[in-house]
Amino acid sequence: MTPEVIGRAPDCSTWLSDADVRIGSMPLCDYFSAAGDQAAVSVLRTLGGPGPAGLDAVFLKNIDPVVSVARLEAVMTGCGFEEASERPRSGQLLSSPECEPFVVSVSDSLADALAAASPEDLVRFAEPWARTDELRQLGISAEDTLDVLEALAGLAQRARASDQRLYCWWAL
């Protein structure tokens, strides 16, 4: 039996199966670091995203790089959601909108806040982020958000140490 075909491969030339792109109909949101936008978009040439491409990555589901991440930035930096979502590089689509998966940038201000956060800061941010509409509707607990924050903070610290930026490989 062949898998159901649902979309095109990263180069838009071949079809991907359901198993290649999704797990249980949940969007895959793999956050990763790369030297720049061009290097980040080049991950689309590797089936499966940043992990198989050999990049430092955090593999998540349902933590979208536009709304959920802007809400996280608002929590961590004390600004409003609108301000966070309008910051440079916040949820900016870098790849073709006609081709899925996508590569989206993460704002440098959030990457800096994650990299600078202490373990105590992460604990303090977990609860308010878990209470945002997006995460609450998904049933994501404060304990789960703390795990995500710790993973993202580690990624941001490693990215900062190697002069890289943060991105999301987003497969709907």
N, C-alpha and C. Protein backbone atom coordinates (compact mmCIF):
# COMPACT_ATOMS: atom_id res chain seq x y z
N MET A 1 0.84 -1.18 0.00
CA MET A 1 0.00 0.00 0.00
C MET A 1 0.89 1.24 0.00
N THR A 2 0.60 2.19 -0.87
CA THR A 2 1.39 3.40 -0.92
C THR A 2 0.77 4.47 -0.03
N PRO A 3 1.62 5.30 0.60
CA PRO A 3 1.10 6.35 1.47
C PRO A 3 0.33 7.39 0.67
N GLU A 4 -0.58 8.06 1.33
CA GLU A 4 -1.35 9.12 0.69
C GLU A 4 -0.42 10.28 0.37
N VAL A 5 -0.55 10.81 -0.85
CA VAL A 5 0.27 11.94 -1.27
C VAL A 5 -0.41 13.22 -0.82
N ILE A 6 0.34 14.10 -0.16
CA ILE A 6 -0.28 15.32 0.34
C ILE A 6 0.41 16.61 -0.10
N GLY A 7 1.60 16.57 -0.59
CA GLY A 7 2.28 17.82 -0.94
C GLY A 7 3.54 17.59 -1.73
N ARG A 8 4.18 18.66 -2.07
CA ARG A 8 5.41 18.60 -2.85
C ARG A 8 6.63 18.57 -1.95
N ALA A 9 7.70 18.01 -2.45
CA ALA A 9 8.99 17.99 -1.75
C ALA A 9 9.53 19.41 -1.63
N PRO A 10 10.53 19.60 -0.80
CA PRO A 10 11.08 20.94 -0.59
C PRO A 10 11.49 21.67 -1.86
N ASP A 11 11.91 20.96 -2.88
CA ASP A 11 12.27 21.64 -4.12
C ASP A 11 11.09 21.78 -5.06
N CYS A 12 9.89 21.37 -4.61
CA CYS A 12 8.63 21.44 -5.35
C CYS A 12 8.61 20.54 -6.57
N SER A 13 9.53 19.62 -6.71
CA SER A 13 9.58 18.80 -7.90
C SER A 13 8.99 17.41 -7.72
N THR A 14 9.00 16.87 -6.53
CA THR A 14 8.47 15.54 -6.29
C THR A 14 7.47 15.56 -5.16
N TRP A 15 6.58 14.58 -5.14
CA TRP A 15 5.54 14.54 -4.13
C TRP A 15 6.04 13.85 -2.87
N LEU A 16 5.55 14.33 -1.74
CA LEU A 16 5.85 13.73 -0.44
C LEU A 16 4.62 12.98 0.06
N SER A 17 4.86 11.96 0.83
CA SER A 17 3.75 11.22 1.43
C SER A 17 3.35 11.87 2.74
N ASP A 18 2.19 11.47 3.23
CA ASP A 18 1.70 11.94 4.51
C ASP A 18 2.73 11.67 5.60
N ALA A 19 3.35 10.52 5.59
CA ALA A 19 4.33 10.16 6.61
C ALA A 19 5.57 11.04 6.53
N ASP A 20 5.90 11.54 5.35
CA ASP A 20 7.07 12.40 5.19
C ASP A 20 6.86 13.77 5.82
N VAL A 21 5.64 14.26 5.85
CA VAL A 21 5.40 15.64 6.23
C VAL A 21 4.73 15.79 7.59
N ARG A 22 3.84 14.90 7.97
CA ARG A 22 3.08 15.09 9.20
C ARG A 22 3.13 13.87 10.09
N ILE A 23 2.88 14.12 11.34
CA ILE A 23 2.70 13.06 12.32
C ILE A 23 1.39 13.37 13.01
N GLY A 24 0.40 12.52 12.83
CA GLY A 24 -0.88 12.71 13.49
C GLY A 24 -1.54 14.03 13.20
N SER A 25 -1.40 14.55 11.99
CA SER A 25 -2.00 15.82 11.57
C SER A 25 -1.54 17.01 12.38
N MET A 26 -0.45 16.90 13.07
CA MET A 26 0.09 18.02 13.84
C MET A 26 1.17 18.70 13.02
N PRO A 27 1.12 20.03 12.95
CA PRO A 27 2.21 20.71 12.24
C PRO A 27 3.55 20.44 12.93
N LEU A 28 4.54 20.19 12.14
CA LEU A 28 5.89 20.03 12.67
C LEU A 28 6.56 21.39 12.64
N CYS A 29 7.14 21.76 13.74
CA CYS A 29 7.80 23.05 13.88
C CYS A 29 9.17 22.79 14.46
N ASP A 30 10.13 22.56 13.61
CA ASP A 30 11.48 22.26 14.04
C ASP A 30 12.28 23.56 14.05
N TYR A 31 12.70 23.96 15.23
CA TYR A 31 13.48 25.18 15.38
C TYR A 31 14.95 24.82 15.26
N PHE A 32 15.70 25.66 14.54
CA PHE A 32 17.10 25.34 14.28
C PHE A 32 17.91 26.61 14.13
N SER A 33 19.22 26.44 14.17
CA SER A 33 20.12 27.57 13.96
C SER A 33 20.84 27.40 12.64
N ALA A 34 21.14 28.53 12.04
CA ALA A 34 21.89 28.55 10.78
C ALA A 34 22.65 29.86 10.69
N ALA A 35 23.67 29.89 9.84
CA ALA A 35 24.55 31.05 9.72
C ALA A 35 23.85 32.27 9.12
N GLY A 36 22.76 32.08 8.42
CA GLY A 36 22.04 33.19 7.81
C GLY A 36 20.83 32.69 7.06
N ASP A 37 20.09 33.62 6.48
CA ASP A 37 18.84 33.27 5.82
C ASP A 37 19.04 32.29 4.66
N GLN A 38 20.07 32.51 3.86
CA GLN A 38 20.32 31.62 2.73
C GLN A 38 20.63 30.20 3.20
N ALA A 39 21.43 30.08 4.22
CA ALA A 39 21.74 28.76 4.78
C ALA A 39 20.50 28.12 5.37
N ALA A 40 19.66 28.92 6.00
CA ALA A 40 18.43 28.38 6.58
C ALA A 40 17.49 27.85 5.51
N VAL A 41 17.31 28.58 4.45
CA VAL A 41 16.41 28.15 3.38
C VAL A 41 16.96 26.92 2.67
N SER A 42 18.26 26.77 2.64
CA SER A 42 18.85 25.60 1.97
C SER A 42 18.47 24.29 2.65
N VAL A 43 17.96 24.35 3.89
CA VAL A 43 17.51 23.14 4.58
C VAL A 43 16.35 22.48 3.82
N LEU A 44 15.66 23.25 3.00
CA LEU A 44 14.54 22.71 2.24
C LEU A 44 14.98 21.68 1.21
N ARG A 45 16.25 21.65 0.89
CA ARG A 45 16.77 20.65 -0.05
C ARG A 45 16.92 19.28 0.59
N THR A 46 16.82 19.20 1.91
CA THR A 46 16.99 17.94 2.63
C THR A 46 15.62 17.45 3.10
N LEU A 47 15.21 16.31 2.65
CA LEU A 47 13.95 15.73 3.07
C LEU A 47 13.96 15.53 4.58
N GLY A 48 12.96 16.04 5.25
CA GLY A 48 12.86 15.87 6.69
C GLY A 48 13.32 17.06 7.48
N GLY A 49 13.94 18.04 6.85
CA GLY A 49 14.26 19.27 7.53
C GLY A 49 15.63 19.37 8.15
N PRO A 50 15.74 20.18 9.19
CA PRO A 50 17.05 20.54 9.74
C PRO A 50 17.80 19.39 10.41
N GLY A 51 17.10 18.47 11.05
CA GLY A 51 17.78 17.34 11.69
C GLY A 51 18.55 16.51 10.68
N PRO A 52 17.85 15.98 9.65
CA PRO A 52 18.57 15.21 8.63
C PRO A 52 19.63 16.03 7.88
N ALA A 53 19.46 17.38 7.88
CA ALA A 53 20.45 18.24 7.23
C ALA A 53 21.69 18.44 8.10
N GLY A 54 21.68 17.90 9.32
CA GLY A 54 22.82 18.00 10.21
C GLY A 54 22.91 19.30 10.99
N LEU A 55 21.81 20.03 11.09
CA LEU A 55 21.81 21.28 11.82
C LEU A 55 21.37 21.07 13.27
N ASP A 56 21.79 21.95 14.14
CA ASP A 56 21.37 21.94 15.54
C ASP A 56 19.89 22.29 15.55
N ALA A 57 19.05 21.40 16.06
CA ALA A 57 17.61 21.60 15.97
C ALA A 57 16.89 21.11 17.22
N VAL A 58 15.73 21.72 17.46
CA VAL A 58 14.80 21.31 18.50
C VAL A 58 13.52 20.91 17.77
N PHE A 59 13.10 19.68 17.94
CA PHE A 59 11.96 19.14 17.21
C PHE A 59 10.69 19.28 18.03
N LEU A 60 9.76 20.10 17.54
CA LEU A 60 8.53 20.39 18.25
C LEU A 60 7.33 20.16 17.34
N LYS A 61 6.17 20.06 17.95
CA LYS A 61 4.91 20.01 17.22
C LYS A 61 4.04 21.12 17.78
N ASN A 62 3.31 21.78 16.90
CA ASN A 62 2.29 22.75 17.27
C ASN A 62 2.78 24.04 17.92
N ILE A 63 4.06 24.30 18.01
CA ILE A 63 4.54 25.58 18.53
C ILE A 63 4.88 26.44 17.31
N ASP A 64 3.84 27.07 16.78
CA ASP A 64 4.02 27.77 15.50
C ASP A 64 4.92 28.99 15.65
N PRO A 65 5.68 29.28 14.59
CA PRO A 65 6.69 30.34 14.65
C PRO A 65 6.15 31.75 14.46
N VAL A 66 4.84 31.88 14.27
CA VAL A 66 4.28 33.21 14.08
C VAL A 66 3.56 33.66 15.34
N VAL A 67 2.45 33.03 15.67
CA VAL A 67 1.65 33.49 16.81
C VAL A 67 2.23 33.02 18.14
N SER A 68 2.46 31.72 18.29
CA SER A 68 2.94 31.20 19.58
C SER A 68 4.29 31.78 19.97
N VAL A 69 5.15 31.95 19.00
CA VAL A 69 6.49 32.48 19.29
C VAL A 69 6.43 33.97 19.59
N ALA A 70 5.55 34.71 18.90
CA ALA A 70 5.38 36.13 19.24
C ALA A 70 4.80 36.27 20.65
N ARG A 71 3.90 35.37 21.03
CA ARG A 71 3.36 35.40 22.41
C ARG A 71 4.49 35.11 23.41
N LEU A 72 5.37 34.18 23.07
CA LEU A 72 6.51 33.90 23.94
C LEU A 72 7.39 35.13 24.07
N GLU A 73 7.66 35.79 22.97
CA GLU A 73 8.50 36.99 23.03
C GLU A 73 7.84 38.07 23.89
N ALA A 74 6.53 38.23 23.79
CA ALA A 74 5.82 39.20 24.61
C ALA A 74 5.98 38.86 26.10
N VAL A 75 5.86 37.59 26.44
CA VAL A 75 6.02 37.16 27.83
C VAL A 75 7.45 37.41 28.31
N MET A 76 8.43 37.05 27.49
CA MET A 76 9.82 37.13 27.92
C MET A 76 10.37 38.55 27.96
N THR A 77 9.88 39.42 27.07
CA THR A 77 10.46 40.77 26.99
C THR A 77 9.57 41.83 27.60
N GLY A 78 8.35 41.48 27.98
CA GLY A 78 7.45 42.43 28.60
C GLY A 78 6.75 43.37 27.64
N CYS A 79 6.87 43.13 26.36
CA CYS A 79 6.17 43.97 25.39
C CYS A 79 4.80 43.35 25.10
N GLY A 80 3.99 44.01 24.33
CA GLY A 80 2.71 43.46 23.93
C GLY A 80 2.87 42.51 22.75
N PHE A 81 1.84 41.69 22.52
CA PHE A 81 1.86 40.74 21.41
C PHE A 81 2.03 41.46 20.08
N GLU A 82 1.31 42.55 19.88
CA GLU A 82 1.40 43.27 18.60
C GLU A 82 2.83 43.76 18.34
N GLU A 83 3.44 44.33 19.37
CA GLU A 83 4.81 44.81 19.23
C GLU A 83 5.75 43.65 18.92
N ALA A 84 5.60 42.54 19.63
CA ALA A 84 6.47 41.38 19.39
C ALA A 84 6.28 40.85 17.98
N SER A 85 5.05 40.80 17.50
CA SER A 85 4.80 40.24 16.17
C SER A 85 5.26 41.17 15.04
N GLU A 86 5.49 42.45 15.37
CA GLU A 86 5.95 43.39 14.35
C GLU A 86 7.46 43.62 14.38
N ARG A 87 8.14 42.98 15.29
CA ARG A 87 9.60 43.16 15.36
C ARG A 87 10.26 42.55 14.11
N PRO A 88 11.41 43.11 13.73
CA PRO A 88 12.10 42.56 12.57
C PRO A 88 12.37 41.06 12.73
N ARG A 89 12.12 40.32 11.70
CA ARG A 89 12.37 38.88 11.59
C ARG A 89 11.36 38.03 12.37
N SER A 90 10.38 38.64 13.01
CA SER A 90 9.40 37.87 13.78
C SER A 90 8.43 37.17 12.82
N GLY A 91 8.58 35.87 12.71
CA GLY A 91 7.69 35.08 11.87
C GLY A 91 7.76 35.41 10.40
N GLN A 92 8.90 35.89 9.93
CA GLN A 92 9.06 36.29 8.54
C GLN A 92 9.26 35.05 7.67
N LEU A 93 8.39 34.89 6.67
CA LEU A 93 8.52 33.78 5.72
C LEU A 93 9.71 34.04 4.81
N LEU A 94 10.65 33.10 4.79
CA LEU A 94 11.86 33.26 3.99
C LEU A 94 11.84 32.41 2.72
N SER A 95 11.03 31.37 2.73
CA SER A 95 10.95 30.47 1.58
C SER A 95 9.72 30.79 0.75
N SER A 96 9.54 30.06 -0.32
CA SER A 96 8.42 30.29 -1.22
C SER A 96 7.09 29.97 -0.54
N PRO A 97 6.10 30.86 -0.67
CA PRO A 97 4.79 30.57 -0.09
C PRO A 97 4.03 29.48 -0.85
N GLU A 98 4.48 29.14 -2.04
CA GLU A 98 3.83 28.10 -2.83
C GLU A 98 4.31 26.70 -2.49
N CYS A 99 5.35 26.60 -1.74
CA CYS A 99 5.97 25.31 -1.47
C CYS A 99 6.00 25.03 0.02
N GLU A 100 5.60 23.86 0.40
CA GLU A 100 5.65 23.46 1.81
C GLU A 100 6.63 22.32 1.93
N PRO A 101 7.40 22.22 3.01
CA PRO A 101 7.43 23.05 4.20
C PRO A 101 8.00 24.43 3.93
N PHE A 102 7.90 25.27 4.96
CA PHE A 102 8.37 26.65 4.90
C PHE A 102 9.55 26.83 5.85
N VAL A 103 10.30 27.90 5.61
CA VAL A 103 11.31 28.34 6.58
C VAL A 103 10.93 29.75 7.01
N VAL A 104 10.85 29.93 8.32
CA VAL A 104 10.42 31.18 8.93
C VAL A 104 11.51 31.63 9.91
N SER A 105 11.77 32.93 9.93
CA SER A 105 12.79 33.44 10.86
C SER A 105 12.19 33.67 12.25
N VAL A 106 13.06 33.61 13.23
CA VAL A 106 12.73 33.94 14.61
C VAL A 106 13.42 35.27 14.89
N SER A 107 12.73 36.19 15.57
CA SER A 107 13.31 37.51 15.80
C SER A 107 14.61 37.40 16.61
N ASP A 108 15.52 38.28 16.30
CA ASP A 108 16.78 38.32 17.04
C ASP A 108 16.54 38.70 18.50
N SER A 109 15.53 39.53 18.75
CA SER A 109 15.26 39.93 20.14
C SER A 109 14.78 38.74 20.97
N LEU A 110 13.99 37.84 20.39
CA LEU A 110 13.59 36.65 21.14
C LEU A 110 14.79 35.71 21.30
N ALA A 111 15.58 35.54 20.26
CA ALA A 111 16.76 34.68 20.37
C ALA A 111 17.69 35.20 21.47
N ASP A 112 17.86 36.51 21.55
CA ASP A 112 18.70 37.10 22.60
C ASP A 112 18.10 36.86 23.99
N ALA A 113 16.78 37.03 24.09
CA ALA A 113 16.11 36.83 25.39
C ALA A 113 16.23 35.37 25.83
N LEU A 114 16.07 34.45 24.90
CA LEU A 114 16.21 33.02 25.22
C LEU A 114 17.64 32.71 25.65
N ALA A 115 18.60 33.24 24.91
CA ALA A 115 20.01 32.94 25.21
C ALA A 115 20.42 33.52 26.56
N ALA A 116 19.84 34.64 26.95
CA ALA A 116 20.23 35.30 28.20
C ALA A 116 19.44 34.80 29.41
N ALA A 117 18.37 34.05 29.19
CA ALA A 117 17.49 33.64 30.29
C ALA A 117 18.17 32.64 31.21
N SER A 118 18.02 32.87 32.50
CA SER A 118 18.52 31.93 33.50
C SER A 118 17.50 30.81 33.68
N PRO A 119 17.88 29.70 34.29
CA PRO A 119 16.90 28.65 34.58
C PRO A 119 15.70 29.18 35.38
N GLU A 120 15.94 30.10 36.30
CA GLU A 120 14.85 30.69 37.08
C GLU A 120 13.93 31.52 36.21
N ASP A 121 14.51 32.24 35.24
CA ASP A 121 13.70 33.02 34.30
C ASP A 121 12.78 32.10 33.51
N LEU A 122 13.33 30.99 33.05
CA LEU A 122 12.54 30.06 32.25
C LEU A 122 11.36 29.52 33.05
N VAL A 123 11.60 29.20 34.30
CA VAL A 123 10.51 28.74 35.18
C VAL A 123 9.45 29.84 35.29
N ARG A 124 9.90 31.06 35.46
CA ARG A 124 8.98 32.19 35.61
C ARG A 124 8.17 32.45 34.33
N PHE A 125 8.73 32.20 33.16
CA PHE A 125 8.04 32.45 31.90
C PHE A 125 7.12 31.30 31.48
N ALA A 126 7.35 30.12 31.99
CA ALA A 126 6.60 28.93 31.55
C ALA A 126 5.11 29.06 31.79
N GLU A 127 4.71 29.47 32.98
CA GLU A 127 3.28 29.55 33.32
C GLU A 127 2.53 30.57 32.46
N PRO A 128 3.02 31.82 32.35
CA PRO A 128 2.28 32.78 31.52
C PRO A 128 2.21 32.36 30.05
N TRP A 129 3.26 31.74 29.55
CA TRP A 129 3.21 31.29 28.15
C TRP A 129 2.21 30.14 28.01
N ALA A 130 2.15 29.24 28.97
CA ALA A 130 1.19 28.13 28.92
C ALA A 130 -0.25 28.64 28.97
N ARG A 131 -0.47 29.80 29.57
CA ARG A 131 -1.82 30.36 29.67
C ARG A 131 -2.26 31.12 28.43
N THR A 132 -1.38 31.28 27.44
CA THR A 132 -1.81 31.95 26.21
C THR A 132 -2.84 31.08 25.51
N ASP A 133 -3.74 31.71 24.77
CA ASP A 133 -4.83 30.98 24.11
C ASP A 133 -4.33 29.81 23.28
N GLU A 134 -3.29 30.04 22.50
CA GLU A 134 -2.81 29.01 21.58
C GLU A 134 -2.34 27.76 22.32
N LEU A 135 -1.57 27.92 23.35
CA LEU A 135 -1.05 26.77 24.08
C LEU A 135 -2.11 26.15 24.99
N ARG A 136 -2.95 26.98 25.58
CA ARG A 136 -4.02 26.46 26.43
C ARG A 136 -4.98 25.59 25.61
N GLN A 137 -5.34 26.02 24.41
CA GLN A 137 -6.24 25.25 23.56
C GLN A 137 -5.65 23.90 23.16
N LEU A 138 -4.34 23.83 23.11
CA LEU A 138 -3.66 22.57 22.78
C LEU A 138 -3.46 21.69 24.01
N GLY A 139 -3.78 22.23 25.18
CA GLY A 139 -3.61 21.47 26.42
C GLY A 139 -2.16 21.34 26.85
N ILE A 140 -1.34 22.32 26.47
CA ILE A 140 0.08 22.28 26.82
C ILE A 140 0.25 22.89 28.21
N SER A 141 0.80 22.13 29.12
CA SER A 141 0.93 22.53 30.52
C SER A 141 2.16 23.42 30.73
N ALA A 142 2.22 24.02 31.90
CA ALA A 142 3.40 24.82 32.27
C ALA A 142 4.65 23.95 32.31
N GLU A 143 4.50 22.70 32.76
CA GLU A 143 5.65 21.79 32.78
C GLU A 143 6.14 21.52 31.36
N ASP A 144 5.20 21.34 30.43
CA ASP A 144 5.58 21.12 29.03
C ASP A 144 6.24 22.37 28.45
N THR A 145 5.68 23.55 28.76
CA THR A 145 6.28 24.76 28.22
C THR A 145 7.68 24.98 28.79
N LEU A 146 7.88 24.59 30.04
CA LEU A 146 9.22 24.71 30.61
C LEU A 146 10.21 23.84 29.84
N ASP A 147 9.81 22.62 29.50
CA ASP A 147 10.68 21.75 28.70
C ASP A 147 11.01 22.40 27.36
N VAL A 148 9.99 22.98 26.72
CA VAL A 148 10.19 23.65 25.43
C VAL A 148 11.12 24.85 25.61
N LEU A 149 10.87 25.65 26.64
CA LEU A 149 11.72 26.82 26.89
C LEU A 149 13.17 26.42 27.13
N GLU A 150 13.40 25.37 27.91
CA GLU A 150 14.77 24.92 28.16
C GLU A 150 15.45 24.48 26.87
N ALA A 151 14.71 23.77 26.03
CA ALA A 151 15.29 23.33 24.76
C ALA A 151 15.58 24.52 23.84
N LEU A 152 14.64 25.46 23.75
CA LEU A 152 14.85 26.63 22.90
C LEU A 152 15.96 27.53 23.44
N ALA A 153 16.04 27.66 24.77
CA ALA A 153 17.12 28.46 25.35
C ALA A 153 18.48 27.84 25.06
N GLY A 154 18.58 26.53 25.16
CA GLY A 154 19.83 25.86 24.83
C GLY A 154 20.21 26.07 23.38
N LEU A 155 19.23 25.96 22.48
CA LEU A 155 19.47 26.21 21.06
C LEU A 155 19.94 27.65 20.85
N ALA A 156 19.28 28.60 21.49
CA ALA A 156 19.66 30.01 21.34
C ALA A 156 21.06 30.28 21.88
N GLN A 157 21.42 29.65 22.99
CA GLN A 157 22.76 29.83 23.55
C GLN A 157 23.82 29.28 22.60
N ARG A 158 23.56 28.11 22.05
CA ARG A 158 24.53 27.52 21.10
C ARG A 158 24.62 28.37 19.83
N ALA A 159 23.48 28.90 19.38
CA ALA A 159 23.47 29.75 18.18
C ALA A 159 24.26 31.03 18.43
N ARG A 160 24.04 31.64 19.58
CA ARG A 160 24.76 32.87 19.91
C ARG A 160 26.27 32.60 19.96
N ALA A 161 26.66 31.48 20.57
CA ALA A 161 28.09 31.15 20.69
C ALA A 161 28.75 30.95 19.33
N SER A 162 27.98 30.53 18.34
CA SER A 162 28.55 30.31 17.01
C SER A 162 28.11 31.37 16.00
N ASP A 163 27.60 32.51 16.50
CA ASP A 163 27.19 33.64 15.66
C ASP A 163 26.17 33.23 14.60
N GLN A 164 25.15 32.49 15.05
CA GLN A 164 24.09 32.07 14.15
C GLN A 164 22.75 32.64 14.60
N ARG A 165 21.76 32.52 13.73
CA ARG A 165 20.41 32.99 14.00
C ARG A 165 19.47 31.80 14.13
N LEU A 166 18.26 32.08 14.65
CA LEU A 166 17.26 31.03 14.82
C LEU A 166 16.19 31.08 13.74
N TYR A 167 15.70 29.88 13.41
CA TYR A 167 14.71 29.71 12.35
C TYR A 167 13.76 28.57 12.74
N CYS A 168 12.68 28.48 11.97
CA CYS A 168 11.76 27.37 12.12
C CYS A 168 11.49 26.76 10.76
N TRP A 169 11.61 25.42 10.70
CA TRP A 169 11.19 24.63 9.54
C TRP A 169 9.78 24.20 9.89
N TRP A 170 8.80 24.66 9.10
CA TRP A 170 7.39 24.52 9.45
C TRP A 170 6.66 23.72 8.40
N ALA A 171 6.26 22.52 8.76
CA ALA A 171 5.52 21.64 7.85
C ALA A 171 4.09 21.54 8.37
N LEU A 172 3.17 22.12 7.63
CA LEU A 172 1.76 22.08 8.02
C LEU A 172 1.21 20.76 7.64
